Amino acid sequence: MSRINVPSVKVIHYADPFCPWSLPSDPSYDEARRVWNGVIDKRPLAIVKCKDEEDVVNTVNYARENSLLLATRGGGHSVAGFGTCDNGVVLDLSEMKKIVVDPSSKTAVAQPGLTWGEFDRATQEHALATTGGGD
């Protein structure tokens, strides 16, 4: 079994106040680790709420440099729980919700934190239909 350097996670947590990290000792941890499928009960070392591309790059680099498992979560709706992990870092993209719809080309570029319902509503405003599920 490999060892994880938990203190190093705490160092970056306090070093970057603009990108909130939720650790097991934080009051917000249990809520931050919760996913849509209540059967999934994983306990990551840290959950990082990314707000922009820089946060994502810094978190991915940090996980790679420290050999930490990394899970990526958008809306948290993976039935299989792929958006979380045990003993790793969860890259939480749920606050990244920007969408740009171009009606002339009938395309949309969206960040990963959008739910399908949010994406669908934004495209409907431009008379575009999308395929997929609900919120």
Protein backbone atom coordinates (compact mmCIF):
# COMPACT_ATOMS: atom_id res chain seq x y z
CA MET A 1 0.00 0.00 0.00
CA SER A 2 1.39 3.42 -0.93
CA ARG A 3 1.48 6.35 1.46
CA ILE A 4 -0.07 9.71 0.68
CA ASN A 5 1.56 12.90 1.93
CA VAL A 6 -1.52 14.51 3.48
CA PRO A 7 0.34 17.54 4.93
CA SER A 8 1.28 18.59 1.39
CA VAL A 9 -2.43 18.81 0.56
CA LYS A 10 -2.90 21.16 3.51
CA VAL A 11 -0.03 23.37 2.35
CA ILE A 12 -1.62 24.13 -1.02
CA HIS A 13 -5.04 24.45 0.63
CA TYR A 14 -3.84 27.44 2.60
CA ALA A 15 -1.50 28.73 -0.11
CA ASP A 16 -4.29 29.36 -2.62
CA PRO A 17 -7.23 31.11 -0.92
CA PHE A 18 -8.86 31.92 -4.29
CA CYS A 19 -9.41 28.25 -5.11
CA PRO A 20 -11.18 26.63 -2.14
CA TRP A 21 -9.99 23.20 -1.04
CA SER A 22 -12.25 21.12 1.19
CA LEU A 23 -10.38 18.67 3.42
CA PRO A 24 -11.76 15.92 5.70
CA SER A 25 -11.27 18.21 8.71
CA ASP A 26 -13.39 21.00 7.18
CA PRO A 27 -17.07 21.41 8.15
CA SER A 28 -18.00 21.62 4.44
CA TYR A 29 -16.25 18.34 3.53
CA ASP A 30 -19.21 15.94 3.75
CA GLU A 31 -21.40 18.20 1.63
CA ALA A 32 -18.58 18.79 -0.88
CA ARG A 33 -17.93 15.06 -1.36
CA ARG A 34 -21.62 14.16 -1.86
CA VAL A 35 -22.64 13.04 -5.35
CA TRP A 36 -26.02 12.43 -6.94
CA ASN A 37 -25.92 8.64 -6.42
CA GLY A 38 -26.28 8.27 -2.65
CA VAL A 39 -24.85 4.73 -2.75
CA ILE A 40 -21.44 6.17 -3.69
CA ASP A 41 -19.56 7.00 -0.48
CA LYS A 42 -15.99 7.90 -1.44
CA ARG A 43 -13.62 9.85 0.77
CA PRO A 44 -11.12 11.94 -1.18
CA LEU A 45 -8.15 13.62 0.48
CA ALA A 46 -9.31 16.95 -0.91
CA ILE A 47 -12.06 18.45 -3.06
CA VAL A 48 -11.04 21.49 -5.10
CA LYS A 49 -13.77 23.91 -6.29
CA CYS A 50 -12.27 25.26 -9.50
CA LYS A 51 -13.55 28.59 -10.78
CA ASP A 52 -11.47 28.92 -13.95
CA GLU A 53 -8.95 27.26 -16.24
CA GLU A 54 -6.01 28.38 -14.09
CA ASP A 55 -7.48 26.57 -11.05
CA VAL A 56 -7.87 23.42 -13.16
CA VAL A 57 -4.30 23.56 -14.49
CA ASN A 58 -2.85 24.21 -11.02
CA THR A 59 -4.83 21.36 -9.46
CA VAL A 60 -3.97 18.86 -12.19
CA ASN A 61 -0.30 19.80 -11.97
CA TYR A 62 -0.36 19.52 -8.18
CA ALA A 63 -1.96 16.07 -8.29
CA ARG A 64 0.51 14.88 -10.93
CA GLU A 65 3.56 16.27 -9.09
CA ASN A 66 2.44 14.55 -5.88
CA SER A 67 1.34 11.27 -7.52
CA LEU A 68 -2.23 11.71 -6.30
CA LEU A 69 -5.25 10.06 -7.88
CA LEU A 70 -7.42 12.68 -9.60
CA ALA A 71 -11.16 12.45 -10.26
CA THR A 72 -13.02 15.06 -12.32
CA ARG A 73 -16.57 16.02 -11.39
CA GLY A 74 -18.83 18.25 -13.47
CA GLY A 75 -22.42 18.10 -12.27
CA GLY A 76 -21.84 15.09 -10.02
CA HIS A 77 -24.40 12.94 -11.85
CA SER A 78 -22.28 9.90 -12.76
CA VAL A 79 -24.35 6.90 -11.69
CA ALA A 80 -21.15 4.88 -11.31
CA GLY A 81 -19.49 7.59 -9.18
CA PHE A 82 -16.70 8.40 -11.64
CA GLY A 83 -16.63 12.01 -10.40
CA THR A 84 -15.13 11.08 -7.05
CA CYS A 85 -12.46 8.85 -5.54
CA ASP A 86 -11.00 7.53 -2.32
CA ASN A 87 -7.64 8.91 -1.17
CA GLY A 88 -7.19 11.31 -4.07
CA VAL A 89 -8.16 14.78 -5.22
CA VAL A 90 -11.58 15.61 -6.68
CA LEU A 91 -11.46 18.34 -9.31
CA ASP A 92 -14.92 19.88 -8.79
CA LEU A 93 -15.91 21.86 -11.89
CA SER A 94 -19.51 22.52 -10.82
CA GLU A 95 -18.98 26.29 -10.55
CA MET A 96 -17.67 26.56 -14.12
CA LYS A 97 -20.96 27.23 -15.94
CA LYS A 98 -20.17 29.63 -18.78
CA ILE A 99 -21.87 28.93 -22.10
CA VAL A 100 -21.55 30.75 -25.42
CA VAL A 101 -24.18 29.98 -28.05
CA ASP A 102 -23.57 30.97 -31.67
CA PRO A 103 -26.93 30.86 -33.45
CA SER A 104 -25.40 31.50 -36.88
CA SER A 105 -23.24 28.36 -36.73
CA LYS A 106 -25.75 26.53 -34.52
CA THR A 107 -23.04 25.63 -32.01
CA ALA A 108 -22.49 26.08 -28.30
CA VAL A 109 -19.31 26.01 -26.27
CA ALA A 110 -19.92 25.18 -22.63
CA GLN A 111 -17.88 24.76 -19.49
CA PRO A 112 -18.18 21.42 -17.68
CA GLY A 113 -20.12 22.55 -14.61
CA LEU A 114 -23.40 23.03 -16.45
CA THR A 115 -26.18 20.55 -15.92
CA TRP A 116 -27.89 19.28 -19.03
CA GLY A 117 -30.97 21.33 -18.16
CA GLU A 118 -28.92 24.54 -17.92
CA PHE A 119 -27.29 23.77 -21.27
CA ASP A 120 -30.63 22.96 -22.87
CA ARG A 121 -32.30 26.16 -21.60
CA ALA A 122 -29.43 28.31 -22.93
CA THR A 123 -29.62 26.76 -26.39
CA GLN A 124 -33.44 26.94 -26.49
CA GLU A 125 -33.16 30.73 -26.15
CA HIS A 126 -31.63 30.62 -29.65
CA ALA A 127 -34.16 28.13 -31.07
CA LEU A 128 -31.63 25.30 -30.93
CA ALA A 129 -32.54 21.81 -29.79
CA THR A 130 -30.17 19.46 -27.98
CA THR A 131 -30.33 15.78 -27.20
CA GLY A 132 -29.90 14.45 -23.70
CA GLY A 133 -31.46 14.00 -20.32
CA GLY A 134 -32.77 16.35 -17.67
CA ASP A 135 -31.20 18.40 -14.90
